[in-house]
Amino acid sequence: QVQLVESGGGLVQPGRSLRLSCAASGGIFHFYAMGWFRQAPGKQRELVATITTGGTTNYVDSVKGRFTISRDNAKNTVYLQMNSLKPEDTAVYYCNIGPFNRPYSYWGQGTQVTVSS
């Protein structure tokens, strides 16, 4: 069973940046597509960015041009660089493995991102 540990969240002002990390263990990391999800208070969890085993990326429209997902297979880690943060980016951010169109039985603890002046 893959274990996931997210980190890097915090409180930032609008327009600033954060870099999230997700460390994976217990599986063969480079076999999996990886994704970043977020869940804002009172809202459903949404998939915001994905990266395939080959490095192809995809983003939800609301973060395109601002967020960048990347992976380091040697470190079993996936990253989310978040620039030009907006208050509407406030959420708990989670990572998970693909495929993404399925119910998940496991989530890590997530990392809180709060964008506020």
Protein backbone atom coordinates (compact mmCIF):
# COMPACT_ATOMS: atom_id res chain seq x y z
CA GLN A 1 0.00 0.00 0.00
CA VAL A 2 1.36 3.37 -1.01
CA GLN A 3 1.69 5.88 1.83
CA LEU A 4 1.58 9.58 1.04
CA VAL A 5 2.83 12.51 3.13
CA GLU A 6 2.04 16.03 1.99
CA SER A 7 3.92 19.09 3.23
CA GLY A 8 4.74 22.69 2.39
CA GLY A 9 1.46 24.43 3.07
CA GLY A 10 1.04 27.61 5.05
CA LEU A 11 -0.48 31.07 5.28
CA VAL A 12 0.50 33.43 2.45
CA GLN A 13 -0.67 36.73 1.07
CA PRO A 14 -2.39 36.92 -2.30
CA GLY A 15 0.09 36.98 -5.16
CA ARG A 16 2.75 35.02 -3.29
CA SER A 17 4.00 31.49 -3.94
CA LEU A 18 4.18 28.14 -2.20
CA ARG A 19 5.72 24.82 -3.14
CA LEU A 20 3.99 21.68 -1.94
CA SER A 21 5.66 18.29 -1.70
CA CYS A 22 4.23 14.80 -1.56
CA ALA A 23 6.51 11.98 -0.51
CA ALA A 24 5.40 8.48 -1.44
CA SER A 25 6.47 5.18 0.06
CA GLY A 26 5.37 1.58 -0.06
CA GLY A 27 5.03 1.32 -3.82
CA ILE A 28 6.90 1.63 -7.09
CA PHE A 29 6.50 5.38 -7.50
CA HIS A 30 7.54 5.72 -11.10
CA PHE A 31 4.80 3.28 -12.20
CA TYR A 32 2.07 5.70 -11.15
CA ALA A 33 0.57 8.83 -12.56
CA MET A 34 0.26 11.32 -9.70
CA GLY A 35 -2.23 14.04 -8.96
CA TRP A 36 -2.81 16.95 -6.63
CA PHE A 37 -6.29 17.50 -5.26
CA ARG A 38 -7.71 20.18 -3.02
CA GLN A 39 -10.73 20.53 -0.80
CA ALA A 40 -12.00 23.91 0.31
CA PRO A 41 -14.35 24.26 3.30
CA GLY A 42 -17.85 23.16 2.37
CA LYS A 43 -16.81 22.01 -1.09
CA GLN A 44 -16.06 18.69 -2.74
CA ARG A 45 -12.51 17.62 -3.28
CA GLU A 46 -11.33 18.52 -6.78
CA LEU A 47 -8.46 17.34 -8.92
CA VAL A 48 -6.27 20.30 -9.85
CA ALA A 49 -3.17 18.87 -11.51
CA THR A 50 -1.88 15.55 -12.81
CA ILE A 51 1.38 14.23 -14.14
CA THR A 52 1.86 10.96 -16.01
CA THR A 53 4.75 8.56 -15.63
CA GLY A 54 6.21 10.17 -18.73
CA GLY A 55 5.87 13.71 -17.39
CA THR A 56 2.81 14.88 -19.29
CA THR A 57 0.89 17.39 -17.18
CA ASN A 58 -2.70 18.54 -17.05
CA TYR A 59 -4.42 21.25 -15.01
CA VAL A 60 -7.87 22.41 -14.11
CA ASP A 61 -8.63 25.73 -15.81
CA SER A 62 -8.63 27.71 -12.57
CA VAL A 63 -4.91 27.05 -11.96
CA LYS A 64 -3.53 26.94 -15.50
CA GLY A 65 -0.59 29.29 -15.90
CA ARG A 66 -0.14 29.60 -12.13
CA PHE A 67 0.49 26.07 -10.85
CA THR A 68 3.13 23.61 -12.03
CA ILE A 69 3.20 19.94 -11.13
CA SER A 70 6.46 18.03 -11.33
CA ARG A 71 7.94 14.78 -10.07
CA ASP A 72 11.29 13.43 -8.97
CA ASN A 73 11.21 9.65 -9.35
CA ALA A 74 14.58 9.27 -7.61
CA LYS A 75 13.08 10.88 -4.50
CA ASN A 76 9.61 9.33 -4.83
CA THR A 77 8.22 12.83 -4.60
CA VAL A 78 5.72 14.92 -6.53
CA TYR A 79 5.63 18.71 -6.23
CA LEU A 80 3.13 21.47 -6.82
CA GLN A 81 4.59 24.91 -7.41
CA MET A 82 1.86 27.45 -6.83
CA ASN A 83 2.42 31.02 -8.00
CA SER A 84 0.18 34.09 -7.99
CA LEU A 85 -1.94 32.57 -5.26
CA LYS A 86 -5.49 33.78 -4.82
CA PRO A 87 -7.84 33.59 -1.82
CA GLU A 88 -9.91 31.04 -3.74
CA ASP A 89 -6.90 28.70 -3.69
CA THR A 90 -7.40 28.29 0.05
CA ALA A 91 -7.93 24.59 0.73
CA VAL A 92 -6.39 21.44 2.11
CA TYR A 93 -4.20 19.99 -0.61
CA TYR A 94 -3.73 16.25 -1.07
CA CYS A 95 -1.84 14.07 -3.50
CA ASN A 96 -2.80 10.64 -4.73
CA ILE A 97 -1.99 8.09 -7.39
CA GLY A 98 -3.74 7.52 -10.68
CA PRO A 99 -6.05 6.60 -12.23
CA PHE A 100 -8.07 9.53 -11.01
CA ASN A 101 -11.66 8.71 -12.03
CA ARG A 102 -12.31 6.32 -9.15
CA PRO A 103 -13.22 6.42 -5.46
CA TYR A 104 -10.20 6.43 -3.21
CA SER A 105 -9.93 4.38 -0.03
CA TYR A 106 -6.79 6.14 1.15
CA TRP A 107 -5.79 9.77 1.60
CA GLY A 108 -2.82 11.27 3.35
CA GLN A 109 -3.23 13.95 5.99
CA GLY A 110 -3.05 16.77 3.45
CA THR A 111 -1.45 20.17 3.86
CA GLN A 112 -3.38 23.38 4.54
CA VAL A 113 -2.93 26.33 2.20
CA THR A 114 -4.47 29.61 3.28
CA VAL A 115 -4.27 32.66 1.05
CA SER A 116 -5.26 35.80 2.88
CA SER A 117 -4.13 39.37 3.38
